[in-house]
């Protein structure tokens, strides 16, 4: 398998972690700030994956091109293929899915709305070799080829 970085993008409640578990867990190291707790630990794990040539998936919101660049630029420099999956981030469905969460996983709606306001559509110009849009109706996830003119969030 070609060494690959997968960048998941979308607001909280869009289904990124579910997507990781369903489609990526067997083949990709999971890089997730919620579980690693600090950017320092996250950076160490990313550096280890790059050094060892291990494919990894970043399961964070990654709402802006700047956020995504912290992973894409070093991965490209290390010869990794970079794929992005933008999860359907319409605000109301994400808030509804979030409201079904328990404990610390359940976030206030204003936190999700703040991330939604920052969302920037990804572009191949950021360094992605391939981009996909993931439609999530809560039951199934449908992966579609990305269109640069994608107008939904």
C-alpha atoms as a PDB file:
ATOM      1  CA  UNK A   1       0.000   0.000   0.000  1.00  0.00           C
ATOM      2  CA  UNK A   2       1.243   3.457  -0.919  1.00  0.00           C
ATOM      3  CA  UNK A   3       1.998   5.617   2.131  1.00  0.00           C
ATOM      4  CA  UNK A   4      -0.968   7.932   2.452  1.00  0.00           C
ATOM      5  CA  UNK A   5      -2.237  10.770   4.614  1.00  0.00           C
ATOM      6  CA  UNK A   6      -6.012  11.012   4.926  1.00  0.00           C
ATOM      7  CA  UNK A   7      -7.338  14.384   6.111  1.00  0.00           C
ATOM      8  CA  UNK A   8     -10.890  14.280   7.454  1.00  0.00           C
ATOM      9  CA  UNK A   9     -12.726  17.614   7.460  1.00  0.00           C
ATOM     10  CA  UNK A  10     -16.070  18.689   8.884  1.00  0.00           C
ATOM     11  CA  UNK A  11     -17.717  20.193  11.917  1.00  0.00           C
ATOM     12  CA  UNK A  12     -18.298  18.306  15.125  1.00  0.00           C
ATOM     13  CA  UNK A  13     -21.131  15.830  14.626  1.00  0.00           C
ATOM     14  CA  UNK A  14     -20.523  15.437  10.888  1.00  0.00           C
ATOM     15  CA  UNK A  15     -19.380  11.829  11.343  1.00  0.00           C
ATOM     16  CA  UNK A  16     -15.591  12.003  11.004  1.00  0.00           C
ATOM     17  CA  UNK A  17     -14.818   9.504  13.775  1.00  0.00           C
ATOM     18  CA  UNK A  18     -17.551   7.154  12.588  1.00  0.00           C
ATOM     19  CA  UNK A  19     -16.110   7.404   9.070  1.00  0.00           C
ATOM     20  CA  UNK A  20     -12.641   6.606  10.424  1.00  0.00           C
ATOM     21  CA  UNK A  21     -13.912   3.532  12.306  1.00  0.00           C
ATOM     22  CA  UNK A  22     -15.932   2.230   9.331  1.00  0.00           C
ATOM     23  CA  UNK A  23     -13.501   2.835   6.495  1.00  0.00           C
ATOM     24  CA  UNK A  24      -9.990   3.553   7.761  1.00  0.00           C
ATOM     25  CA  UNK A  25      -9.287   1.943  11.154  1.00  0.00           C
ATOM     26  CA  UNK A  26      -7.736  -1.246   9.801  1.00  0.00           C
ATOM     27  CA  UNK A  27      -5.151   0.446   7.585  1.00  0.00           C
ATOM     28  CA  UNK A  28      -4.467   3.906   9.050  1.00  0.00           C
ATOM     29  CA  UNK A  29      -3.019   5.176  12.320  1.00  0.00           C
ATOM     30  CA  UNK A  30      -5.566   7.560  13.867  1.00  0.00           C
ATOM     31  CA  UNK A  31      -4.341  11.058  14.726  1.00  0.00           C
ATOM     32  CA  UNK A  32      -7.022  12.724  16.836  1.00  0.00           C
ATOM     33  CA  UNK A  33      -6.499  15.749  19.055  1.00  0.00           C
ATOM     34  CA  UNK A  34      -9.369  14.769  21.372  1.00  0.00           C
ATOM     35  CA  UNK A  35      -7.605  11.536  22.309  1.00  0.00           C
ATOM     36  CA  UNK A  36      -4.018  12.816  22.187  1.00  0.00           C
ATOM     37  CA  UNK A  37      -4.963  15.919  24.254  1.00  0.00           C
ATOM     38  CA  UNK A  38      -2.099  18.232  23.119  1.00  0.00           C
ATOM     39  CA  UNK A  39      -0.699  19.538  19.828  1.00  0.00           C
ATOM     40  CA  UNK A  40       2.731  18.414  21.043  1.00  0.00           C
ATOM     41  CA  UNK A  41       1.618  14.760  21.299  1.00  0.00           C
ATOM     42  CA  UNK A  42      -0.174  15.078  17.998  1.00  0.00           C
ATOM     43  CA  UNK A  43       2.952  16.451  16.298  1.00  0.00           C
ATOM     44  CA  UNK A  44       5.080  13.619  17.727  1.00  0.00           C
ATOM     45  CA  UNK A  45       2.675  10.989  16.366  1.00  0.00           C
ATOM     46  CA  UNK A  46       2.550  12.650  12.936  1.00  0.00           C
ATOM     47  CA  UNK A  47       6.358  12.860  12.844  1.00  0.00           C
ATOM     48  CA  UNK A  48       6.624   9.178  13.798  1.00  0.00           C
ATOM     49  CA  UNK A  49       4.213   8.169  11.013  1.00  0.00           C
ATOM     50  CA  UNK A  50       6.129  10.262   8.484  1.00  0.00           C
ATOM     51  CA  UNK A  51       9.486   8.870   9.608  1.00  0.00           C
ATOM     52  CA  UNK A  52       8.264   5.255   9.482  1.00  0.00           C
ATOM     53  CA  UNK A  53       6.278   5.698   6.265  1.00  0.00           C
ATOM     54  CA  UNK A  54       3.067   4.600   8.015  1.00  0.00           C
ATOM     55  CA  UNK A  55      -0.227   5.713   6.521  1.00  0.00           C
ATOM     56  CA  UNK A  56      -2.286   7.840   8.897  1.00  0.00           C
ATOM     57  CA  UNK A  57      -5.603   9.652   9.087  1.00  0.00           C
ATOM     58  CA  UNK A  58      -6.136  12.973  10.830  1.00  0.00           C
ATOM     59  CA  UNK A  59      -9.545  12.841  12.514  1.00  0.00           C
ATOM     60  CA  UNK A  60      -9.974  16.513  13.510  1.00  0.00           C
ATOM     61  CA  UNK A  61     -12.330  19.240  12.268  1.00  0.00           C
ATOM     62  CA  UNK A  62      -9.624  20.785  10.037  1.00  0.00           C
ATOM     63  CA  UNK A  63     -11.928  23.654   9.021  1.00  0.00           C
ATOM     64  CA  UNK A  64      -9.382  25.913   7.277  1.00  0.00           C
ATOM     65  CA  UNK A  65      -6.646  25.512   4.690  1.00  0.00           C
ATOM     66  CA  UNK A  66      -4.195  26.692   7.351  1.00  0.00           C
ATOM     67  CA  UNK A  67      -5.316  23.918   9.726  1.00  0.00           C
ATOM     68  CA  UNK A  68      -4.901  21.314   6.990  1.00  0.00           C
ATOM     69  CA  UNK A  69      -1.479  22.607   5.883  1.00  0.00           C
ATOM     70  CA  UNK A  70       0.130  21.494   9.177  1.00  0.00           C
ATOM     71  CA  UNK A  71      -0.384  17.902   7.997  1.00  0.00           C
ATOM     72  CA  UNK A  72      -0.323  18.204   4.209  1.00  0.00           C
ATOM     73  CA  UNK A  73       2.967  20.069   3.783  1.00  0.00           C
ATOM     74  CA  UNK A  74       5.154  17.667   5.821  1.00  0.00           C
ATOM     75  CA  UNK A  75       3.366  14.648   4.318  1.00  0.00           C
ATOM     76  CA  UNK A  76       4.002  15.837   0.769  1.00  0.00           C
ATOM     77  CA  UNK A  77       7.644  16.578   1.672  1.00  0.00           C
ATOM     78  CA  UNK A  78       7.934  12.985   2.944  1.00  0.00           C
ATOM     79  CA  UNK A  79       6.532  11.564  -0.301  1.00  0.00           C
ATOM     80  CA  UNK A  80       3.041  10.714   0.969  1.00  0.00           C
ATOM     81  CA  UNK A  81      -0.074  10.650  -1.169  1.00  0.00           C
ATOM     82  CA  UNK A  82      -2.667  13.016   0.356  1.00  0.00           C
ATOM     83  CA  UNK A  83      -6.408  12.388   0.231  1.00  0.00           C
ATOM     84  CA  UNK A  84      -9.133  14.532   1.766  1.00  0.00           C
ATOM     85  CA  UNK A  85     -12.645  13.588   2.826  1.00  0.00           C
ATOM     86  CA  UNK A  86     -14.987  16.510   3.494  1.00  0.00           C
ATOM     87  CA  UNK A  87     -17.967  15.315   5.492  1.00  0.00           C
ATOM     88  CA  UNK A  88     -21.390  16.848   4.942  1.00  0.00           C
ATOM     89  CA  UNK A  89     -21.368  19.681   7.481  1.00  0.00           C
ATOM     90  CA  UNK A  90     -24.819  21.186   7.236  1.00  0.00           C
ATOM     91  CA  UNK A  91     -25.247  22.796  10.615  1.00  0.00           C
ATOM     92  CA  UNK A  92     -28.641  21.508  11.795  1.00  0.00           C
ATOM     93  CA  UNK A  93     -28.050  17.784  11.112  1.00  0.00           C
ATOM     94  CA  UNK A  94     -24.638  18.009  12.833  1.00  0.00           C
ATOM     95  CA  UNK A  95     -26.177  19.667  15.897  1.00  0.00           C
ATOM     96  CA  UNK A  96     -28.897  16.985  15.971  1.00  0.00           C
ATOM     97  CA  UNK A  97     -26.314  14.166  15.829  1.00  0.00           C
ATOM     98  CA  UNK A  98     -24.272  15.907  18.520  1.00  0.00           C
ATOM     99  CA  UNK A  99     -27.351  16.167  20.751  1.00  0.00           C
ATOM    100  CA  UNK A 100     -27.555  12.348  20.765  1.00  0.00           C
ATOM    101  CA  UNK A 101     -24.067  12.135  22.287  1.00  0.00           C
ATOM    102  CA  UNK A 102     -23.385  11.559  25.965  1.00  0.00           C
ATOM    103  CA  UNK A 103     -20.955  13.127  28.441  1.00  0.00           C
ATOM    104  CA  UNK A 104     -17.879  15.013  27.247  1.00  0.00           C
ATOM    105  CA  UNK A 105     -18.576  14.095  23.631  1.00  0.00           C
ATOM    106  CA  UNK A 106     -21.706  16.274  23.636  1.00  0.00           C
ATOM    107  CA  UNK A 107     -20.791  19.863  22.774  1.00  0.00           C
ATOM    108  CA  UNK A 108     -22.771  23.078  23.109  1.00  0.00           C
ATOM    109  CA  UNK A 109     -24.398  24.076  19.801  1.00  0.00           C
ATOM    110  CA  UNK A 110     -22.506  27.385  19.747  1.00  0.00           C
ATOM    111  CA  UNK A 111     -19.186  25.489  19.595  1.00  0.00           C
ATOM    112  CA  UNK A 112     -20.337  23.611  16.497  1.00  0.00           C
ATOM    113  CA  UNK A 113     -21.674  26.837  14.959  1.00  0.00           C
ATOM    114  CA  UNK A 114     -18.319  28.563  15.551  1.00  0.00           C
ATOM    115  CA  UNK A 115     -16.476  25.797  13.681  1.00  0.00           C
ATOM    116  CA  UNK A 116     -19.100  25.906  10.908  1.00  0.00           C
ATOM    117  CA  UNK A 117     -18.495  29.652  10.431  1.00  0.00           C
ATOM    118  CA  UNK A 118     -14.760  28.986   9.904  1.00  0.00           C
ATOM    119  CA  UNK A 119     -15.254  26.195   7.339  1.00  0.00           C
ATOM    120  CA  UNK A 120     -13.341  26.653   4.102  1.00  0.00           C
ATOM    121  CA  UNK A 121     -13.979  24.293   1.224  1.00  0.00           C
ATOM    122  CA  UNK A 122     -10.843  22.279   0.453  1.00  0.00           C
ATOM    123  CA  UNK A 123      -9.096  22.532  -2.886  1.00  0.00           C
ATOM    124  CA  UNK A 124      -6.591  20.378  -4.732  1.00  0.00           C
ATOM    125  CA  UNK A 125      -4.350  23.471  -4.711  1.00  0.00           C
ATOM    126  CA  UNK A 126      -3.724  22.777  -0.999  1.00  0.00           C
ATOM    127  CA  UNK A 127      -1.786  19.656  -1.989  1.00  0.00           C
ATOM    128  CA  UNK A 128      -4.534  17.036  -2.090  1.00  0.00           C
ATOM    129  CA  UNK A 129      -3.981  14.291  -4.653  1.00  0.00           C
ATOM    130  CA  UNK A 130      -7.629  13.279  -4.326  1.00  0.00           C
ATOM    131  CA  UNK A 131     -10.680  14.845  -2.675  1.00  0.00           C
ATOM    132  CA  UNK A 132     -14.033  13.329  -1.768  1.00  0.00           C
ATOM    133  CA  UNK A 133     -17.345  14.573  -0.397  1.00  0.00           C
ATOM    134  CA  UNK A 134     -19.069  12.303   2.125  1.00  0.00           C
ATOM    135  CA  UNK A 135     -22.842  12.539   2.401  1.00  0.00           C
ATOM    136  CA  UNK A 136     -24.035  11.374   5.812  1.00  0.00           C
ATOM    137  CA  UNK A 137     -27.729  10.786   6.413  1.00  0.00           C
ATOM    138  CA  UNK A 138     -27.082   9.334   9.859  1.00  0.00           C
ATOM    139  CA  UNK A 139     -27.520   5.748   8.667  1.00  0.00           C
ATOM    140  CA  UNK A 140     -25.139   5.467   5.746  1.00  0.00           C
ATOM    141  CA  UNK A 141     -22.202   7.390   4.362  1.00  0.00           C
ATOM    142  CA  UNK A 142     -21.920   7.862   0.618  1.00  0.00           C
ATOM    143  CA  UNK A 143     -18.494   8.790  -0.752  1.00  0.00           C
ATOM    144  CA  UNK A 144     -18.536  10.919  -3.907  1.00  0.00           C
ATOM    145  CA  UNK A 145     -15.810  12.391  -6.081  1.00  0.00           C
ATOM    146  CA  UNK A 146     -15.124  16.015  -5.156  1.00  0.00           C
ATOM    147  CA  UNK A 147     -16.234  18.790  -7.471  1.00  0.00           C
ATOM    148  CA  UNK A 148     -14.199  21.989  -7.122  1.00  0.00           C
ATOM    149  CA  UNK A 149     -17.479  23.876  -7.466  1.00  0.00           C
ATOM    150  CA  UNK A 150     -19.015  22.036  -4.473  1.00  0.00           C
ATOM    151  CA  UNK A 151     -21.397  24.541  -2.931  1.00  0.00           C
ATOM    152  CA  UNK A 152     -22.700  22.629   0.059  1.00  0.00           C
ATOM    153  CA  UNK A 153     -21.023  22.596   3.444  1.00  0.00           C
END
